[in-house]
Amino acid sequence: MHWNNCDAVEQDPQRMSGAWLFAGTRVPVAALFENLEAVATIDEFVDWFPGVTRRQALAVLQYAELSLLAAA
């Protein structure tokens, strides 16, 4: 997924091997999906990954949803 238009994330080739990260953190966006897949809640994820806000997590999920709908 291409995250360029999601303001909750950022990418820098010099950080974390260029992975998409939650803005202002070193937490990969993929960590959110991995934790949700393992049945974590949004609130648990935010508690487990300091620096990631609930707003950021919800923005990522909304962006992913809109991207999937656009691709259909």
PDB file of N, CA and C in Angstrom:
ATOM      1  N   MET A   1       0.849  -1.175   0.000  1.00  0.00           N
ATOM      2  CA  MET A   1       0.000   0.000   0.000  1.00  0.00           C
ATOM      3  C   MET A   1       0.897   1.241   0.000  1.00  0.00           C
ATOM      4  N   HIS A   2       0.470   2.237  -0.741  1.00  0.00           N
ATOM      5  CA  HIS A   2       1.232   3.475  -0.842  1.00  0.00           C
ATOM      6  C   HIS A   2       0.632   4.504   0.115  1.00  0.00           C
ATOM      7  N   TRP A   3       1.411   4.962   1.063  1.00  0.00           N
ATOM      8  CA  TRP A   3       0.919   5.804   2.159  1.00  0.00           C
ATOM      9  C   TRP A   3       1.207   7.288   1.983  1.00  0.00           C
ATOM     10  N   ASN A   4       1.637   7.724   0.825  1.00  0.00           N
ATOM     11  CA  ASN A   4       2.039   9.124   0.635  1.00  0.00           C
ATOM     12  C   ASN A   4       0.990  10.151   1.039  1.00  0.00           C
ATOM     13  N   ASN A   5      -0.274   9.846   0.900  1.00  0.00           N
ATOM     14  CA  ASN A   5      -1.322  10.824   1.181  1.00  0.00           C
ATOM     15  C   ASN A   5      -1.925  10.700   2.576  1.00  0.00           C
ATOM     16  N   CYS A   6      -1.304   9.919   3.425  1.00  0.00           N
ATOM     17  CA  CYS A   6      -1.787   9.747   4.802  1.00  0.00           C
ATOM     18  C   CYS A   6      -0.867  10.542   5.732  1.00  0.00           C
ATOM     19  N   ASP A   7      -1.405  11.590   6.350  1.00  0.00           N
ATOM     20  CA  ASP A   7      -0.564  12.468   7.174  1.00  0.00           C
ATOM     21  C   ASP A   7      -0.162  11.850   8.514  1.00  0.00           C
ATOM     22  N   ALA A   8      -0.699  10.689   8.844  1.00  0.00           N
ATOM     23  CA  ALA A   8      -0.373  10.041  10.114  1.00  0.00           C
ATOM     24  C   ALA A   8       0.918   9.233  10.038  1.00  0.00           C
ATOM     25  N   VAL A   9       1.481   9.101   8.823  1.00  0.00           N
ATOM     26  CA  VAL A   9       2.670   8.279   8.647  1.00  0.00           C
ATOM     27  C   VAL A   9       3.750   9.039   7.893  1.00  0.00           C
ATOM     28  N   GLU A  10       4.964   8.498   7.967  1.00  0.00           N
ATOM     29  CA  GLU A  10       6.088   9.095   7.249  1.00  0.00           C
ATOM     30  C   GLU A  10       7.071   7.994   6.869  1.00  0.00           C
ATOM     31  N   GLN A  11       7.907   8.315   5.900  1.00  0.00           N
ATOM     32  CA  GLN A  11       8.917   7.362   5.449  1.00  0.00           C
ATOM     33  C   GLN A  11      10.219   8.112   5.229  1.00  0.00           C
ATOM     34  N   ASP A  12      11.296   7.536   5.721  1.00  0.00           N
ATOM     35  CA  ASP A  12      12.627   8.100   5.544  1.00  0.00           C
ATOM     36  C   ASP A  12      13.558   6.925   5.282  1.00  0.00           C
ATOM     37  N   PRO A  13      14.194   6.882   4.129  1.00  0.00           N
ATOM     38  CA  PRO A  13      15.073   5.760   3.809  1.00  0.00           C
ATOM     39  C   PRO A  13      16.180   5.529   4.844  1.00  0.00           C
ATOM     40  N   GLN A  14      16.490   6.570   5.629  1.00  0.00           N
ATOM     41  CA  GLN A  14      17.548   6.453   6.631  1.00  0.00           C
ATOM     42  C   GLN A  14      17.055   5.901   7.968  1.00  0.00           C
ATOM     43  N   ARG A  15      15.739   5.741   8.113  1.00  0.00           N
ATOM     44  CA  ARG A  15      15.173   5.244   9.376  1.00  0.00           C
ATOM     45  C   ARG A  15      14.423   3.943   9.147  1.00  0.00           C
ATOM     46  N   MET A  16      14.693   2.980   9.963  1.00  0.00           N
ATOM     47  CA  MET A  16      13.977   1.704   9.959  1.00  0.00           C
ATOM     48  C   MET A  16      13.901   1.105   8.545  1.00  0.00           C
ATOM     49  N   SER A  17      15.003   1.171   7.827  1.00  0.00           N
ATOM     50  CA  SER A  17      15.117   0.595   6.484  1.00  0.00           C
ATOM     51  C   SER A  17      14.079   1.135   5.499  1.00  0.00           C
ATOM     52  N   GLY A  18      13.607   2.336   5.736  1.00  0.00           N
ATOM     53  CA  GLY A  18      12.656   2.947   4.817  1.00  0.00           C
ATOM     54  C   GLY A  18      11.221   2.494   4.999  1.00  0.00           C
ATOM     55  N   ALA A  19      10.933   1.773   6.089  1.00  0.00           N
ATOM     56  CA  ALA A  19       9.553   1.329   6.337  1.00  0.00           C
ATOM     57  C   ALA A  19       8.669   2.528   6.632  1.00  0.00           C
ATOM     58  N   TRP A  20       7.383   2.398   6.315  1.00  0.00           N
ATOM     59  CA  TRP A  20       6.424   3.435   6.686  1.00  0.00           C
ATOM     60  C   TRP A  20       6.229   3.381   8.190  1.00  0.00           C
ATOM     61  N   LEU A  21       6.373   4.530   8.838  1.00  0.00           N
ATOM     62  CA  LEU A  21       6.286   4.628  10.293  1.00  0.00           C
ATOM     63  C   LEU A  21       5.182   5.597  10.686  1.00  0.00           C
ATOM     64  N   PHE A  22       4.656   5.415  11.878  1.00  0.00           N
ATOM     65  CA  PHE A  22       3.757   6.421  12.419  1.00  0.00           C
ATOM     66  C   PHE A  22       4.588   7.691  12.600  1.00  0.00           C
ATOM     67  N   ALA A  23       4.066   8.811  12.135  1.00  0.00           N
ATOM     68  CA  ALA A  23       4.796  10.080  12.169  1.00  0.00           C
ATOM     69  C   ALA A  23       5.299  10.394  13.574  1.00  0.00           C
ATOM     70  N   GLY A  24       6.578  10.752  13.646  1.00  0.00           N
ATOM     71  CA  GLY A  24       7.189  11.127  14.916  1.00  0.00           C
ATOM     72  C   GLY A  24       7.612   9.958  15.784  1.00  0.00           C
ATOM     73  N   THR A  25       7.528   8.739  15.231  1.00  0.00           N
ATOM     74  CA  THR A  25       7.900   7.551  16.006  1.00  0.00           C
ATOM     75  C   THR A  25       8.819   6.650  15.185  1.00  0.00           C
ATOM     76  N   ARG A  26       9.203   5.548  15.795  1.00  0.00           N
ATOM     77  CA  ARG A  26       9.928   4.486  15.095  1.00  0.00           C
ATOM     78  C   ARG A  26       9.047   3.246  15.001  1.00  0.00           C
ATOM     79  N   VAL A  27       7.742   3.429  15.099  1.00  0.00           N
ATOM     80  CA  VAL A  27       6.790   2.312  15.079  1.00  0.00           C
ATOM     81  C   VAL A  27       6.303   2.104  13.640  1.00  0.00           C
ATOM     82  N   PRO A  28       6.574   0.931  13.069  1.00  0.00           N
ATOM     83  CA  PRO A  28       6.116   0.654  11.705  1.00  0.00           C
ATOM     84  C   PRO A  28       4.590   0.563  11.632  1.00  0.00           C
ATOM     85  N   VAL A  29       4.044   1.056  10.535  1.00  0.00           N
ATOM     86  CA  VAL A  29       2.612   0.948  10.296  1.00  0.00           C
ATOM     87  C   VAL A  29       2.192  -0.522  10.303  1.00  0.00           C
ATOM     88  N   ALA A  30       3.047  -1.384   9.795  1.00  0.00           N
ATOM     89  CA  ALA A  30       2.736  -2.814   9.760  1.00  0.00           C
ATOM     90  C   ALA A  30       2.444  -3.367  11.155  1.00  0.00           C
ATOM     91  N   ALA A  31       3.046  -2.794  12.186  1.00  0.00           N
ATOM     92  CA  ALA A  31       2.823  -3.267  13.552  1.00  0.00           C
ATOM     93  C   ALA A  31       1.356  -3.147  13.950  1.00  0.00           C
ATOM     94  N   LEU A  32       0.683  -2.115  13.461  1.00  0.00           N
ATOM     95  CA  LEU A  32      -0.738  -1.953  13.773  1.00  0.00           C
ATOM     96  C   LEU A  32      -1.530  -3.125  13.210  1.00  0.00           C
ATOM     97  N   PHE A  33      -1.320  -3.433  11.945  1.00  0.00           N
ATOM     98  CA  PHE A  33      -2.068  -4.517  11.311  1.00  0.00           C
ATOM     99  C   PHE A  33      -1.723  -5.878  11.923  1.00  0.00           C
ATOM    100  N   GLU A  34      -0.461  -6.077  12.262  1.00  0.00           N
ATOM    101  CA  GLU A  34      -0.054  -7.333  12.902  1.00  0.00           C
ATOM    102  C   GLU A  34      -0.734  -7.502  14.253  1.00  0.00           C
ATOM    103  N   ASN A  35      -0.803  -6.435  15.033  1.00  0.00           N
ATOM    104  CA  ASN A  35      -1.422  -6.504  16.353  1.00  0.00           C
ATOM    105  C   ASN A  35      -2.935  -6.659  16.261  1.00  0.00           C
ATOM    106  N   LEU A  36      -3.562  -5.982  15.320  1.00  0.00           N
ATOM    107  CA  LEU A  36      -5.005  -6.146  15.145  1.00  0.00           C
ATOM    108  C   LEU A  36      -5.331  -7.561  14.682  1.00  0.00           C
ATOM    109  N   GLU A  37      -4.498  -8.092  13.826  1.00  0.00           N
ATOM    110  CA  GLU A  37      -4.685  -9.471  13.364  1.00  0.00           C
ATOM    111  C   GLU A  37      -4.575 -10.456  14.526  1.00  0.00           C
ATOM    112  N   ALA A  38      -3.754 -10.114  15.513  1.00  0.00           N
ATOM    113  CA  ALA A  38      -3.578 -10.951  16.709  1.00  0.00           C
ATOM    114  C   ALA A  38      -4.638 -10.622  17.766  1.00  0.00           C
ATOM    115  N   VAL A  39      -5.677  -9.894  17.380  1.00  0.00           N
ATOM    116  CA  VAL A  39      -6.854  -9.575  18.191  1.00  0.00           C
ATOM    117  C   VAL A  39      -6.607  -8.510  19.260  1.00  0.00           C
ATOM    118  N   ALA A  40      -5.633  -7.649  19.045  1.00  0.00           N
ATOM    119  CA  ALA A  40      -5.445  -6.504  19.938  1.00  0.00           C
ATOM    120  C   ALA A  40      -6.480  -5.444  19.580  1.00  0.00           C
ATOM    121  N   THR A  41      -6.787  -4.600  20.522  1.00  0.00           N
ATOM    122  CA  THR A  41      -7.672  -3.467  20.249  1.00  0.00           C
ATOM    123  C   THR A  41      -6.822  -2.245  19.908  1.00  0.00           C
ATOM    124  N   ILE A  42      -7.468  -1.229  19.377  1.00  0.00           N
ATOM    125  CA  ILE A  42      -6.765   0.026  19.092  1.00  0.00           C
ATOM    126  C   ILE A  42      -6.181   0.597  20.382  1.00  0.00           C
ATOM    127  N   ASP A  43      -6.967   0.582  21.443  1.00  0.00           N
ATOM    128  CA  ASP A  43      -6.486   1.124  22.719  1.00  0.00           C
ATOM    129  C   ASP A  43      -5.286   0.351  23.242  1.00  0.00           C
ATOM    130  N   GLU A  44      -5.297  -0.962  23.108  1.00  0.00           N
ATOM    131  CA  GLU A  44      -4.135  -1.757  23.536  1.00  0.00           C
ATOM    132  C   GLU A  44      -2.912  -1.388  22.708  1.00  0.00           C
ATOM    133  N   PHE A  45      -3.098  -1.292  21.397  1.00  0.00           N
ATOM    134  CA  PHE A  45      -1.976  -0.942  20.527  1.00  0.00           C
ATOM    135  C   PHE A  45      -1.359   0.389  20.936  1.00  0.00           C
ATOM    136  N   VAL A  46      -2.198   1.385  21.144  1.00  0.00           N
ATOM    137  CA  VAL A  46      -1.706   2.720  21.535  1.00  0.00           C
ATOM    138  C   VAL A  46      -0.988   2.651  22.882  1.00  0.00           C
ATOM    139  N   ASP A  47      -1.491   1.841  23.802  1.00  0.00           N
ATOM    140  CA  ASP A  47      -0.826   1.674  25.101  1.00  0.00           C
ATOM    141  C   ASP A  47       0.532   0.989  24.945  1.00  0.00           C
ATOM    142  N   TRP A  48       0.614   0.023  24.059  1.00  0.00           N
ATOM    143  CA  TRP A  48       1.843  -0.756  23.876  1.00  0.00           C
ATOM    144  C   TRP A  48       2.909  -0.017  23.093  1.00  0.00           C
ATOM    145  N   PHE A  49       2.515   0.960  22.295  1.00  0.00           N
ATOM    146  CA  PHE A  49       3.467   1.677  21.443  1.00  0.00           C
ATOM    147  C   PHE A  49       3.411   3.171  21.745  1.00  0.00           C
ATOM    148  N   PRO A  50       4.119   3.584  22.802  1.00  0.00           N
ATOM    149  CA  PRO A  50       4.134   5.009  23.177  1.00  0.00           C
ATOM    150  C   PRO A  50       4.562   5.878  21.995  1.00  0.00           C
ATOM    151  N   GLY A  51       3.906   6.991  21.872  1.00  0.00           N
ATOM    152  CA  GLY A  51       4.191   7.912  20.777  1.00  0.00           C
ATOM    153  C   GLY A  51       3.155   7.830  19.678  1.00  0.00           C
ATOM    154  N   VAL A  52       2.551   6.654  19.500  1.00  0.00           N
ATOM    155  CA  VAL A  52       1.479   6.514  18.520  1.00  0.00           C
ATOM    156  C   VAL A  52       0.185   6.948  19.192  1.00  0.00           C
ATOM    157  N   THR A  53      -0.520   7.850  18.543  1.00  0.00           N
ATOM    158  CA  THR A  53      -1.779   8.322  19.107  1.00  0.00           C
ATOM    159  C   THR A  53      -2.951   7.525  18.539  1.00  0.00           C
ATOM    160  N   ARG A  54      -4.040   7.575  19.259  1.00  0.00           N
ATOM    161  CA  ARG A  54      -5.265   6.925  18.783  1.00  0.00           C
ATOM    162  C   ARG A  54      -5.687   7.552  17.445  1.00  0.00           C
ATOM    163  N   ARG A  55      -5.548   8.856  17.327  1.00  0.00           N
ATOM    164  CA  ARG A  55      -5.890   9.540  16.078  1.00  0.00           C
ATOM    165  C   ARG A  55      -5.066   9.001  14.906  1.00  0.00           C
ATOM    166  N   GLN A  56      -3.775   8.788  15.131  1.00  0.00           N
ATOM    167  CA  GLN A  56      -2.919   8.250  14.073  1.00  0.00           C
ATOM    168  C   GLN A  56      -3.361   6.843  13.674  1.00  0.00           C
ATOM    169  N   ALA A  57      -3.617   6.006  14.659  1.00  0.00           N
ATOM    170  CA  ALA A  57      -4.027   4.629  14.370  1.00  0.00           C
ATOM    171  C   ALA A  57      -5.337   4.614  13.584  1.00  0.00           C
ATOM    172  N   LEU A  58      -6.280   5.423  13.995  1.00  0.00           N
ATOM    173  CA  LEU A  58      -7.563   5.476  13.291  1.00  0.00           C
ATOM    174  C   LEU A  58      -7.400   6.056  11.885  1.00  0.00           C
ATOM    175  N   ALA A  59      -6.521   7.038  11.729  1.00  0.00           N
ATOM    176  CA  ALA A  59      -6.270   7.618  10.409  1.00  0.00           C
ATOM    177  C   ALA A  59      -5.674   6.576   9.463  1.00  0.00           C
ATOM    178  N   VAL A  60      -4.778   5.743   9.977  1.00  0.00           N
ATOM    179  CA  VAL A  60      -4.178   4.685   9.159  1.00  0.00           C
ATOM    180  C   VAL A  60      -5.248   3.678   8.731  1.00  0.00           C
ATOM    181  N   LEU A  61      -6.100   3.297   9.658  1.00  0.00           N
ATOM    182  CA  LEU A  61      -7.162   2.347   9.313  1.00  0.00           C
ATOM    183  C   LEU A  61      -8.131   2.941   8.297  1.00  0.00           C
ATOM    184  N   GLN A  62      -8.482   4.207   8.462  1.00  0.00           N
ATOM    185  CA  GLN A  62      -9.386   4.854   7.520  1.00  0.00           C
ATOM    186  C   GLN A  62      -8.740   4.961   6.136  1.00  0.00           C
ATOM    187  N   TYR A  63      -7.467   5.314   6.103  1.00  0.00           N
ATOM    188  CA  TYR A  63      -6.760   5.427   4.831  1.00  0.00           C
ATOM    189  C   TYR A  63      -6.700   4.073   4.132  1.00  0.00           C
ATOM    190  N   ALA A  64      -6.423   3.019   4.904  1.00  0.00           N
ATOM    191  CA  ALA A  64      -6.366   1.675   4.335  1.00  0.00           C
ATOM    192  C   ALA A  64      -7.736   1.277   3.776  1.00  0.00           C
ATOM    193  N   GLU A  65      -8.781   1.585   4.518  1.00  0.00           N
ATOM    194  CA  GLU A  65     -10.133   1.263   4.054  1.00  0.00           C
ATOM    195  C   GLU A  65     -10.454   1.992   2.745  1.00  0.00           C
ATOM    196  N   LEU A  66     -10.177   3.285   2.703  1.00  0.00           N
ATOM    197  CA  LEU A  66     -10.454   4.053   1.493  1.00  0.00           C
ATOM    198  C   LEU A  66      -9.628   3.559   0.305  1.00  0.00           C
ATOM    199  N   SER A  67      -8.397   3.160   0.563  1.00  0.00           N
ATOM    200  CA  SER A  67      -7.539   2.640  -0.512  1.00  0.00           C
ATOM    201  C   SER A  67      -8.086   1.330  -1.046  1.00  0.00           C
ATOM    202  N   LEU A  68      -8.576   0.478  -0.168  1.00  0.00           N
ATOM    203  CA  LEU A  68      -9.153  -0.792  -0.607  1.00  0.00           C
ATOM    204  C   LEU A  68     -10.433  -0.569  -1.399  1.00  0.00           C
ATOM    205  N   LEU A  69     -11.260   0.355  -0.943  1.00  0.00           N
ATOM    206  CA  LEU A  69     -12.505   0.650  -1.656  1.00  0.00           C
ATOM    207  C   LEU A  69     -12.216   1.231  -3.042  1.00  0.00           C
ATOM    208  N   ALA A  70     -11.208   2.073  -3.142  1.00  0.00           N
ATOM    209  CA  ALA A  70     -10.845   2.677  -4.420  1.00  0.00           C
ATOM    210  C   ALA A  70     -10.300   1.637  -5.397  1.00  0.00           C
ATOM    211  N   ALA A  71      -9.655   0.609  -4.853  1.00  0.00           N
ATOM    212  CA  ALA A  71      -9.071  -0.423  -5.697  1.00  0.00           C
ATOM    213  C   ALA A  71     -10.106  -1.428  -6.200  1.00  0.00           C
ATOM    214  N   ALA A  72     -11.257  -1.455  -5.551  1.00  0.00           N
ATOM    215  CA  ALA A  72     -12.294  -2.435  -5.918  1.00  0.00           C
ATOM    216  C   ALA A  72     -13.049  -2.035  -7.168  1.00  0.00           C
TER     217      ALA A  72
END
